[in-house]
C-alpha cells in the first residue's frame, strides 16, 4: 500500500502544498485574537498537545482544533 499525502491549494500561487499538521504560536494568537503572553500561558497549562524543536514551539493542529471546538460547543475540560 502506498503512502498518501494530503494537499491543500495555495490560493496565491494555485499550487498544491502539503496540509499543515501543526500551528505556530503566532497562528493560535491570530485564531483566538489573543496576545503572545496568553498564548504561551495556554501552552504552559497543557490545554492541547505541543512540542518544541530547538527554540520553536509547534502545536498539534488536531489537538488544538479539538480543544477549540470543545470550547465553542460549551464543553469544559474536553
N, C-alpha and C. Protein backbone atom coordinates (compact mmCIF):
# COMPACT_ATOMS: atom_id res chain seq x y z
N UNK A 1 0.84 -1.17 0.00
CA UNK A 1 0.00 0.00 0.00
C UNK A 1 0.89 1.24 0.00
N UNK A 2 0.54 2.20 -0.83
CA UNK A 2 1.33 3.42 -0.93
C UNK A 2 0.89 4.44 0.11
N UNK A 3 1.84 5.28 0.53
CA UNK A 3 1.52 6.37 1.45
C UNK A 3 0.76 7.44 0.69
N UNK A 4 -0.17 8.07 1.36
CA UNK A 4 -0.98 9.10 0.74
C UNK A 4 -0.75 10.41 1.47
N UNK A 5 -0.39 11.45 0.73
CA UNK A 5 -0.20 12.76 1.33
C UNK A 5 -1.42 13.62 1.05
N UNK A 6 -1.80 14.43 2.01
CA UNK A 6 -2.92 15.34 1.84
C UNK A 6 -2.36 16.70 1.44
N UNK A 7 -2.95 17.29 0.42
CA UNK A 7 -2.50 18.59 -0.05
C UNK A 7 -3.66 19.56 -0.05
N UNK A 8 -3.34 20.83 0.15
CA UNK A 8 -4.35 21.88 0.01
C UNK A 8 -3.82 22.85 -1.04
N UNK A 9 -4.70 23.59 -1.64
CA UNK A 9 -4.30 24.52 -2.69
C UNK A 9 -3.90 25.86 -2.08
N UNK A 10 -2.76 26.36 -2.51
CA UNK A 10 -2.31 27.68 -2.11
C UNK A 10 -3.02 28.68 -3.03
N UNK A 11 -3.91 29.48 -2.48
CA UNK A 11 -4.74 30.38 -3.28
C UNK A 11 -3.91 31.37 -4.08
N UNK A 12 -2.81 31.83 -3.51
CA UNK A 12 -2.00 32.85 -4.19
C UNK A 12 -1.27 32.28 -5.41
N UNK A 13 -0.72 31.09 -5.27
CA UNK A 13 0.10 30.55 -6.36
C UNK A 13 -0.59 29.46 -7.15
N UNK A 14 -1.75 29.00 -6.68
CA UNK A 14 -2.51 27.92 -7.34
C UNK A 14 -1.73 26.61 -7.39
N UNK A 15 -0.79 26.43 -6.45
CA UNK A 15 -0.02 25.20 -6.38
C UNK A 15 -0.44 24.41 -5.15
N UNK A 16 -0.37 23.10 -5.26
CA UNK A 16 -0.69 22.24 -4.12
C UNK A 16 0.46 22.28 -3.11
N UNK A 17 0.12 22.46 -1.84
CA UNK A 17 1.12 22.46 -0.77
C UNK A 17 0.67 21.44 0.27
N UNK A 18 1.61 20.78 0.96
CA UNK A 18 1.22 19.81 1.99
C UNK A 18 0.36 20.47 3.07
N UNK A 19 -0.66 19.76 3.54
CA UNK A 19 -1.52 20.27 4.60
C UNK A 19 -0.73 20.40 5.88
N UNK A 20 -0.92 21.49 6.60
CA UNK A 20 -0.23 21.70 7.87
C UNK A 20 -0.74 20.73 8.92
N UNK A 21 0.17 20.19 9.71
CA UNK A 21 -0.17 19.32 10.84
C UNK A 21 0.00 20.05 12.16
N UNK A 22 0.67 21.20 12.12
CA UNK A 22 0.93 21.97 13.34
C UNK A 22 0.64 23.44 13.11
N UNK A 23 0.40 24.12 14.24
CA UNK A 23 0.29 25.57 14.24
C UNK A 23 1.51 26.15 14.93
N UNK A 24 1.81 27.39 14.64
CA UNK A 24 2.81 28.15 15.37
C UNK A 24 2.09 28.93 16.46
N UNK A 25 2.82 29.45 17.42
CA UNK A 25 2.22 30.28 18.47
C UNK A 25 1.51 31.46 17.82
N UNK A 26 2.11 32.04 16.79
CA UNK A 26 1.50 33.17 16.10
C UNK A 26 0.16 32.80 15.48
N UNK A 27 0.05 31.56 15.00
CA UNK A 27 -1.21 31.11 14.41
C UNK A 27 -2.33 31.09 15.44
N UNK A 28 -2.04 30.55 16.64
CA UNK A 28 -3.12 30.49 17.64
C UNK A 28 -3.43 31.89 18.19
N UNK A 29 -2.44 32.78 18.18
CA UNK A 29 -2.72 34.16 18.56
C UNK A 29 -3.74 34.77 17.61
N UNK A 30 -3.58 34.53 16.34
CA UNK A 30 -4.49 35.08 15.34
C UNK A 30 -5.86 34.41 15.44
N UNK A 31 -5.88 33.08 15.54
CA UNK A 31 -7.14 32.34 15.60
C UNK A 31 -7.97 32.79 16.80
N UNK A 32 -7.32 32.95 17.96
CA UNK A 32 -8.03 33.28 19.19
C UNK A 32 -8.09 34.78 19.48
N UNK A 33 -7.36 35.58 18.68
CA UNK A 33 -7.28 37.03 18.90
C UNK A 33 -6.80 37.33 20.32
N UNK A 34 -5.65 36.72 20.66
CA UNK A 34 -5.05 36.89 21.99
C UNK A 34 -3.61 37.35 21.83
N UNK A 35 -3.03 37.81 22.91
CA UNK A 35 -1.64 38.24 22.91
C UNK A 35 -0.68 37.07 23.05
N UNK A 36 0.57 37.37 22.84
CA UNK A 36 1.62 36.36 22.91
C UNK A 36 1.71 35.71 24.29
N UNK A 37 1.66 36.52 25.34
CA UNK A 37 1.75 36.00 26.70
C UNK A 37 0.62 35.03 27.01
N UNK A 38 -0.59 35.37 26.59
CA UNK A 38 -1.74 34.50 26.83
C UNK A 38 -1.58 33.19 26.06
N UNK A 39 -1.07 33.26 24.85
CA UNK A 39 -0.85 32.05 24.06
C UNK A 39 0.14 31.12 24.75
N UNK A 40 1.22 31.68 25.28
CA UNK A 40 2.20 30.86 26.00
C UNK A 40 1.63 30.29 27.30
N UNK A 41 0.72 31.04 27.95
CA UNK A 41 0.07 30.51 29.15
C UNK A 41 -0.76 29.28 28.82
N UNK A 42 -1.43 29.29 27.68
CA UNK A 42 -2.19 28.11 27.25
C UNK A 42 -1.27 26.91 27.06
N UNK A 43 -0.08 27.15 26.52
CA UNK A 43 0.88 26.06 26.35
C UNK A 43 1.31 25.53 27.71
N UNK A 44 1.61 26.44 28.65
CA UNK A 44 2.02 26.04 30.00
C UNK A 44 0.94 25.23 30.70
N UNK A 45 -0.32 25.53 30.42
CA UNK A 45 -1.44 24.84 31.05
C UNK A 45 -1.77 23.51 30.36
N UNK A 46 -1.01 23.20 29.30
CA UNK A 46 -1.22 21.95 28.54
C UNK A 46 -2.66 21.78 28.09
N UNK A 47 -3.24 22.86 27.57
CA UNK A 47 -4.61 22.83 27.08
C UNK A 47 -4.74 21.94 25.84
N UNK A 48 -3.65 21.78 25.11
CA UNK A 48 -3.60 20.94 23.90
C UNK A 48 -2.16 20.46 23.74
N UNK A 49 -1.95 19.50 22.86
CA UNK A 49 -0.61 18.93 22.68
C UNK A 49 0.29 19.90 21.91
N UNK A 50 1.53 19.98 22.38
CA UNK A 50 2.52 20.81 21.72
C UNK A 50 3.90 20.22 21.97
N UNK A 51 4.85 20.64 21.18
CA UNK A 51 6.23 20.21 21.36
C UNK A 51 7.14 21.35 20.92
N UNK A 52 8.40 21.21 21.25
CA UNK A 52 9.38 22.25 20.95
C UNK A 52 10.52 21.64 20.15
N UNK A 53 10.88 22.29 19.07
CA UNK A 53 12.03 21.88 18.26
C UNK A 53 13.00 23.04 18.33
N UNK A 54 14.14 22.80 18.99
CA UNK A 54 15.06 23.91 19.22
C UNK A 54 14.33 24.95 20.07
N UNK A 55 14.23 26.16 19.58
CA UNK A 55 13.52 27.20 20.30
C UNK A 55 12.14 27.48 19.74
N UNK A 56 11.65 26.60 18.87
CA UNK A 56 10.38 26.85 18.19
C UNK A 56 9.29 25.93 18.72
N UNK A 57 8.17 26.52 19.13
CA UNK A 57 7.03 25.75 19.61
C UNK A 57 6.13 25.39 18.44
N UNK A 58 5.66 24.14 18.44
CA UNK A 58 4.69 23.68 17.45
C UNK A 58 3.52 23.07 18.19
N UNK A 59 2.32 23.45 17.78
CA UNK A 59 1.09 22.99 18.43
C UNK A 59 0.40 22.03 17.49
N UNK A 60 0.00 20.87 18.01
CA UNK A 60 -0.74 19.90 17.21
C UNK A 60 -2.02 20.54 16.70
N UNK A 61 -2.17 20.61 15.40
CA UNK A 61 -3.37 21.19 14.80
C UNK A 61 -4.62 20.41 15.22
N UNK A 62 -4.53 19.10 15.16
CA UNK A 62 -5.68 18.26 15.52
C UNK A 62 -6.08 18.48 16.99
N UNK A 63 -5.10 18.47 17.87
CA UNK A 63 -5.36 18.66 19.30
C UNK A 63 -5.94 20.05 19.57
N UNK A 64 -5.36 21.08 18.97
CA UNK A 64 -5.84 22.45 19.16
C UNK A 64 -7.26 22.60 18.63
N UNK A 65 -7.51 22.07 17.43
CA UNK A 65 -8.84 22.20 16.83
C UNK A 65 -9.89 21.49 17.67
N UNK A 66 -9.56 20.32 18.23
CA UNK A 66 -10.49 19.61 19.11
C UNK A 66 -10.76 20.42 20.37
N UNK A 67 -9.71 20.99 20.96
CA UNK A 67 -9.86 21.82 22.16
C UNK A 67 -10.75 23.03 21.86
N UNK A 68 -10.48 23.71 20.75
CA UNK A 68 -11.24 24.90 20.39
C UNK A 68 -12.71 24.54 20.12
N UNK A 69 -12.95 23.47 19.40
CA UNK A 69 -14.33 23.05 19.13
C UNK A 69 -15.06 22.74 20.42
N UNK A 70 -14.36 22.13 21.38
CA UNK A 70 -14.97 21.86 22.68
C UNK A 70 -15.34 23.14 23.39
N UNK A 71 -14.47 24.15 23.31
CA UNK A 71 -14.76 25.44 23.94
C UNK A 71 -15.93 26.13 23.26
N UNK A 72 -15.97 26.05 21.94
CA UNK A 72 -17.05 26.71 21.19
C UNK A 72 -18.39 26.03 21.43
N UNK A 73 -18.35 24.73 21.71
CA UNK A 73 -19.58 23.98 21.97
C UNK A 73 -19.95 23.97 23.45
N UNK A 74 -19.19 24.71 24.27
CA UNK A 74 -19.50 24.81 25.69
C UNK A 74 -19.08 23.61 26.51
N UNK A 75 -18.21 22.78 25.97
CA UNK A 75 -17.77 21.58 26.68
C UNK A 75 -16.50 21.93 27.47
N UNK A 76 -16.62 22.03 28.78
CA UNK A 76 -15.47 22.34 29.62
C UNK A 76 -14.67 21.08 29.91
N UNK A 77 -13.35 21.15 29.72
CA UNK A 77 -12.49 20.01 30.03
C UNK A 77 -12.43 18.94 28.97
N UNK A 78 -12.89 19.28 27.74
CA UNK A 78 -12.86 18.28 26.66
C UNK A 78 -11.47 18.11 26.11
